[in-house]
Amino acid sequence: MRRLPFEEPVTRAGPLARSVAVLALLVTLFALVLVRDPRAEAGPALVTLGAGLVLAAAAVALAAFAFVRVWREGARGLGAAVAGLFTALLILAYPAFAGLRAVRLPALTDVTTDIDNPPAFSRSRAAFAARDGRYPPEPGPAARASQRAAYPQIAPLTVDLDADVAFELARKAALNRRWQIVEAIRPGGRVGNGRIEAVSRGLVLNLADDVTVRVHPRADGARIDVRSASRLGGHDLGGNADRIRAYLDEVANLAIAVK
């Protein structure tokens, strides 16, 4: 009797997981290129990014199925499954981090160093044009209470420097943070406060957020308040608070260097 050759089982889920993960990577990279194009609308780019994340999640599921077959039946295809899983997890790492922040932090889109009297955004024609014709609405008492509980460390910065010097440091810090300055009004005039109106863009998605800085002269120096508001979504994932902290740290370091 002729012996039949032994055929080692092969799982197609492993190579398929790798292929889907590569496709997810290409779609995600295309979405990131699209969202960073100032001429492109954010909506289609975010939809494309979402499709890339869905494909990455599908690759994880296929890799898991391949691992089960390899474990139970000794099937080949482990290397391809591992490659697919690694690529998919690389794509999903940042969204997973953002999701954890969304669960842990309150749903805020507007954060300020002065909760009782937040700096007002400019209503000038140039500011409206830079904000695409929108004016950030004033958050209600519930949102301000949530900010007070979540970010007690977000507070004004007081420097023992002349208000004009403090204003220049605030403007330089905005440039160092790569903000697009729309208006820069020095302290003085009827109100006495200086104001910097700017647009900040995220490092990853390049989405625009609006920032206004108020420089208030004091007898012992100047007080700097900041307000940062998101344009899209109902949750900033802590981005506005992070932006304010980084900016005020930049101003404080510049103030130390001046002394």
Protein backbone atom coordinates (compact mmCIF):
# COMPACT_ATOMS: atom_id res chain seq x y z
CA MET A 1 0.00 0.00 0.00
CA ARG A 2 1.33 3.42 -0.91
CA ARG A 3 1.75 5.85 2.03
CA LEU A 4 0.13 9.28 1.53
CA PRO A 5 2.43 12.25 2.17
CA PHE A 6 1.74 14.15 5.38
CA GLU A 7 0.49 17.69 4.82
CA GLU A 8 1.15 20.16 7.62
CA PRO A 9 -1.91 22.36 8.26
CA VAL A 10 -1.62 26.02 7.27
CA THR A 11 -3.83 28.81 8.60
CA ARG A 12 -4.79 31.41 6.03
CA ALA A 13 -5.73 33.82 8.82
CA GLY A 14 -2.05 34.64 9.49
CA PRO A 15 -1.16 35.94 6.02
CA LEU A 16 -4.58 37.57 5.79
CA ALA A 17 -3.95 39.39 9.09
CA ARG A 18 -0.65 40.65 7.73
CA SER A 19 -2.23 41.83 4.48
CA VAL A 20 -5.10 43.61 6.23
CA ALA A 21 -2.66 45.25 8.66
CA VAL A 22 -0.53 46.55 5.78
CA LEU A 23 -3.67 47.90 4.10
CA ALA A 24 -4.67 49.55 7.39
CA LEU A 25 -1.25 51.16 7.62
CA LEU A 26 -1.48 52.53 4.09
CA VAL A 27 -5.00 53.88 4.66
CA THR A 28 -3.95 55.48 7.97
CA LEU A 29 -0.87 57.11 6.44
CA PHE A 30 -2.98 58.44 3.57
CA ALA A 31 -5.48 59.87 6.08
CA LEU A 32 -2.68 61.59 8.02
CA VAL A 33 -1.33 63.11 4.82
CA LEU A 34 -4.83 64.21 3.86
CA VAL A 35 -5.65 65.76 7.23
CA ARG A 36 -2.41 67.76 7.21
CA ASP A 37 -3.32 69.35 3.87
CA PRO A 38 -4.67 72.84 4.69
CA ARG A 39 -6.80 72.74 1.54
CA ALA A 40 -8.56 69.49 2.50
CA GLU A 41 -11.65 69.28 4.67
CA ALA A 42 -11.22 67.56 8.04
CA GLY A 43 -14.37 65.43 7.71
CA PRO A 44 -13.33 63.11 4.84
CA ALA A 45 -9.83 62.79 6.28
CA LEU A 46 -11.18 61.71 9.66
CA VAL A 47 -13.52 59.21 7.99
CA THR A 48 -10.54 57.76 6.13
CA LEU A 49 -8.61 57.58 9.38
CA GLY A 50 -11.53 55.76 11.00
CA ALA A 51 -11.50 53.23 8.15
CA GLY A 52 -7.82 52.60 8.77
CA LEU A 53 -8.49 51.96 12.46
CA VAL A 54 -11.33 49.55 11.63
CA LEU A 55 -9.00 47.62 9.32
CA ALA A 56 -6.37 47.51 12.05
CA ALA A 57 -8.90 46.09 14.51
CA ALA A 58 -9.89 43.47 11.90
CA ALA A 59 -6.21 42.52 11.53
CA VAL A 60 -5.97 42.00 15.31
CA ALA A 61 -9.00 39.70 15.20
CA LEU A 62 -7.55 37.70 12.30
CA ALA A 63 -4.21 37.39 14.08
CA ALA A 64 -5.96 36.13 17.21
CA PHE A 65 -7.81 33.51 15.16
CA ALA A 66 -4.50 32.45 13.59
CA PHE A 67 -2.89 32.09 17.02
CA VAL A 68 -5.71 29.78 18.11
CA ARG A 69 -5.20 27.52 15.09
CA VAL A 70 -1.43 27.48 15.58
CA TRP A 71 -1.87 26.56 19.24
CA ARG A 72 -4.50 23.86 18.73
CA GLU A 73 -3.45 22.32 15.43
CA GLY A 74 0.20 23.31 15.03
CA ALA A 75 -0.67 25.10 11.82
CA ARG A 76 1.88 27.22 9.99
CA GLY A 77 1.43 30.96 9.59
CA LEU A 78 2.60 32.17 13.02
CA GLY A 79 5.16 34.60 11.60
CA ALA A 80 2.65 36.31 9.35
CA ALA A 81 0.16 36.57 12.21
CA VAL A 82 2.77 38.12 14.50
CA ALA A 83 3.73 40.64 11.81
CA GLY A 84 0.08 41.55 11.26
CA LEU A 85 -0.58 41.89 14.97
CA PHE A 86 2.48 44.09 15.52
CA THR A 87 1.57 46.40 12.63
CA ALA A 88 -2.06 46.65 13.75
CA LEU A 89 -1.14 47.39 17.37
CA LEU A 90 1.27 50.07 16.17
CA ILE A 91 -1.63 51.77 14.39
CA LEU A 92 -4.00 51.39 17.34
CA ALA A 93 -1.55 52.50 20.05
CA TYR A 94 -2.32 56.22 19.93
CA PRO A 95 -6.12 55.81 19.56
CA ALA A 96 -6.04 53.44 22.55
CA PHE A 97 -4.15 56.04 24.58
CA ALA A 98 -6.66 58.70 23.52
CA GLY A 99 -9.52 56.40 24.47
CA LEU A 100 -8.11 55.93 27.96
CA ARG A 101 -7.86 59.69 28.37
CA ALA A 102 -11.44 60.07 27.16
CA VAL A 103 -12.60 57.70 29.90
CA ARG A 104 -10.46 59.25 32.61
CA LEU A 105 -10.95 62.96 31.83
CA PRO A 106 -14.19 65.02 31.66
CA ALA A 107 -15.73 65.88 28.29
CA LEU A 108 -14.43 69.44 27.92
CA THR A 109 -13.70 71.43 24.78
CA ASP A 110 -12.74 74.76 26.37
CA VAL A 111 -10.18 75.24 29.16
CA THR A 112 -8.95 78.46 30.74
CA THR A 113 -6.68 79.64 33.52
CA ASP A 114 -9.40 82.04 34.75
CA ILE A 115 -12.65 80.16 35.29
CA ASP A 116 -14.50 83.11 36.82
CA ASN A 117 -13.49 85.62 34.14
CA PRO A 118 -12.09 83.74 31.13
CA PRO A 119 -10.27 85.72 28.42
CA ALA A 120 -12.64 86.63 25.61
CA PHE A 121 -11.84 85.63 22.05
CA SER A 122 -11.41 88.50 19.62
CA ARG A 123 -14.34 89.46 17.42
CA SER A 124 -12.22 91.22 14.82
CA ARG A 125 -12.54 90.39 11.14
CA ALA A 126 -9.06 88.84 11.05
CA ALA A 127 -9.79 86.64 14.07
CA PHE A 128 -13.11 85.47 12.62
CA ALA A 129 -11.40 84.61 9.34
CA ALA A 130 -8.68 82.63 11.12
CA ARG A 131 -11.36 80.72 13.06
CA ASP A 132 -13.33 79.98 9.88
CA GLY A 133 -16.10 82.34 10.94
CA ARG A 134 -16.81 80.75 14.31
CA TYR A 135 -16.78 82.14 17.85
CA PRO A 136 -16.15 79.65 20.68
CA PRO A 137 -19.24 79.58 22.93
CA GLU A 138 -18.91 80.32 26.62
CA PRO A 139 -18.91 77.08 28.66
CA GLY A 140 -21.63 76.76 31.26
CA PRO A 141 -21.27 76.38 35.03
CA ALA A 142 -21.21 72.57 34.81
CA ALA A 143 -18.27 72.61 32.39
CA ARG A 144 -16.37 75.08 34.56
CA ALA A 145 -17.00 72.94 37.64
CA SER A 146 -15.68 69.91 35.75
CA GLN A 147 -12.55 71.81 34.78
CA ARG A 148 -11.99 72.96 38.35
CA ALA A 149 -12.19 69.36 39.57
CA ALA A 150 -10.10 67.83 36.77
CA TYR A 151 -7.40 70.50 36.36
CA PRO A 152 -6.81 72.31 39.65
CA GLN A 153 -3.25 73.09 38.52
CA ILE A 154 -4.39 75.12 35.50
CA ALA A 155 -3.91 78.62 36.91
CA PRO A 156 -2.71 82.07 35.78
CA LEU A 157 1.01 82.81 35.57
CA THR A 158 2.20 85.89 37.44
CA VAL A 159 5.62 87.31 36.55
CA ASP A 160 7.43 90.17 38.28
CA LEU A 161 8.21 91.85 34.97
CA ASP A 162 6.89 94.95 33.24
CA ALA A 163 3.69 94.26 31.33
CA ASP A 164 5.33 95.11 27.99
CA VAL A 165 8.17 92.70 28.69
CA ALA A 166 5.70 90.02 29.79
CA PHE A 167 3.72 90.56 26.59
CA GLU A 168 6.82 90.08 24.44
CA LEU A 169 7.66 86.89 26.32
CA ALA A 170 4.08 85.66 25.81
CA ARG A 171 4.30 86.40 22.09
CA LYS A 172 7.70 84.70 21.79
CA ALA A 173 6.41 81.64 23.64
CA ALA A 174 3.50 81.41 21.18
CA LEU A 175 5.95 81.48 18.28
CA ASN A 176 8.11 78.86 19.98
CA ARG A 177 5.04 76.63 20.26
CA ARG A 178 4.51 77.12 16.50
CA TRP A 179 1.18 78.87 16.94
CA GLN A 180 -0.20 81.00 14.13
CA ILE A 181 -0.56 84.46 15.67
CA VAL A 182 -3.61 86.26 14.29
CA GLU A 183 -3.53 89.35 16.50
CA ALA A 184 -1.04 90.74 18.98
CA ILE A 185 -2.21 93.85 20.85
CA ARG A 186 0.19 95.29 23.41
CA PRO A 187 -0.94 96.30 26.92
CA GLY A 188 -2.32 99.82 27.17
CA GLY A 189 -5.30 101.76 25.90
CA ARG A 190 -8.66 101.89 27.62
CA VAL A 191 -8.71 98.31 28.89
CA GLY A 192 -5.03 98.10 29.67
CA ASN A 193 -4.76 94.39 28.86
CA GLY A 194 -2.59 92.96 26.14
CA ARG A 195 -4.03 90.22 23.94
CA ILE A 196 -2.65 87.53 21.67
CA GLU A 197 -5.05 85.69 19.39
CA ALA A 198 -3.66 82.50 17.86
CA VAL A 199 -4.43 79.18 16.18
CA SER A 200 -2.69 76.03 17.37
CA ARG A 201 -2.52 72.81 15.37
CA GLY A 202 -2.13 69.31 16.77
CA LEU A 203 1.12 67.44 16.20
CA VAL A 204 -0.50 64.23 14.89
CA LEU A 205 -3.74 65.22 13.17
CA ASN A 206 -2.89 68.88 12.53
CA LEU A 207 -6.41 69.91 13.58
CA ALA A 208 -6.86 73.60 14.41
CA ASP A 209 -7.74 74.81 17.91
CA ASP A 210 -8.22 78.42 19.00
CA VAL A 211 -6.17 80.14 21.70
CA THR A 212 -6.34 83.56 23.27
CA VAL A 213 -3.84 85.00 25.75
CA ARG A 214 -4.51 87.93 28.08
CA VAL A 215 -1.68 89.95 29.64
CA HIS A 216 -2.97 92.02 32.56
CA PRO A 217 -0.66 94.72 34.04
CA ARG A 218 -0.28 94.64 37.82
CA ALA A 219 1.51 96.83 40.32
CA ASP A 220 4.00 94.02 40.97
CA GLY A 221 4.35 92.82 37.36
CA ALA A 222 1.87 91.14 35.02
CA ARG A 223 -0.63 88.30 35.07
CA ILE A 224 -0.93 86.01 32.05
CA ASP A 225 -4.17 84.11 31.42
CA VAL A 226 -4.77 81.62 28.61
CA ARG A 227 -7.87 80.08 27.10
CA SER A 228 -7.80 77.20 24.61
CA ALA A 229 -10.87 75.87 22.78
CA SER A 230 -11.27 72.90 20.43
CA ARG A 231 -13.10 73.25 17.13
CA LEU A 232 -14.15 69.64 16.55
CA GLY A 233 -15.79 67.01 18.72
CA GLY A 234 -17.27 67.01 22.18
CA HIS A 235 -14.12 65.93 24.04
CA ASP A 236 -10.65 67.44 23.80
CA LEU A 237 -8.98 64.35 25.37
CA GLY A 238 -7.03 66.68 27.66
CA GLY A 239 -5.42 68.50 24.74
CA ASN A 240 -6.42 72.02 25.78
CA ALA A 241 -5.07 71.59 29.31
CA ASP A 242 -1.84 70.11 27.93
CA ARG A 243 -1.49 73.06 25.55
CA ILE A 244 -1.96 75.63 28.32
CA ARG A 245 0.51 73.88 30.63
CA ALA A 246 3.18 73.65 27.93
CA TYR A 247 2.69 77.27 26.92
CA LEU A 248 2.89 78.69 30.43
CA ASP A 249 5.98 76.57 31.12
CA GLU A 250 7.52 78.12 28.00
CA VAL A 251 6.69 81.64 29.22
CA ALA A 252 8.06 80.90 32.71
CA ASN A 253 11.33 79.60 31.25
CA LEU A 254 11.67 82.70 29.10
CA ALA A 255 10.98 84.90 32.13
CA ILE A 256 13.72 83.14 34.08
CA ALA A 257 16.16 83.68 31.22
CA VAL A 258 15.36 87.41 31.14
CA LYS A 259 16.16 87.96 34.81
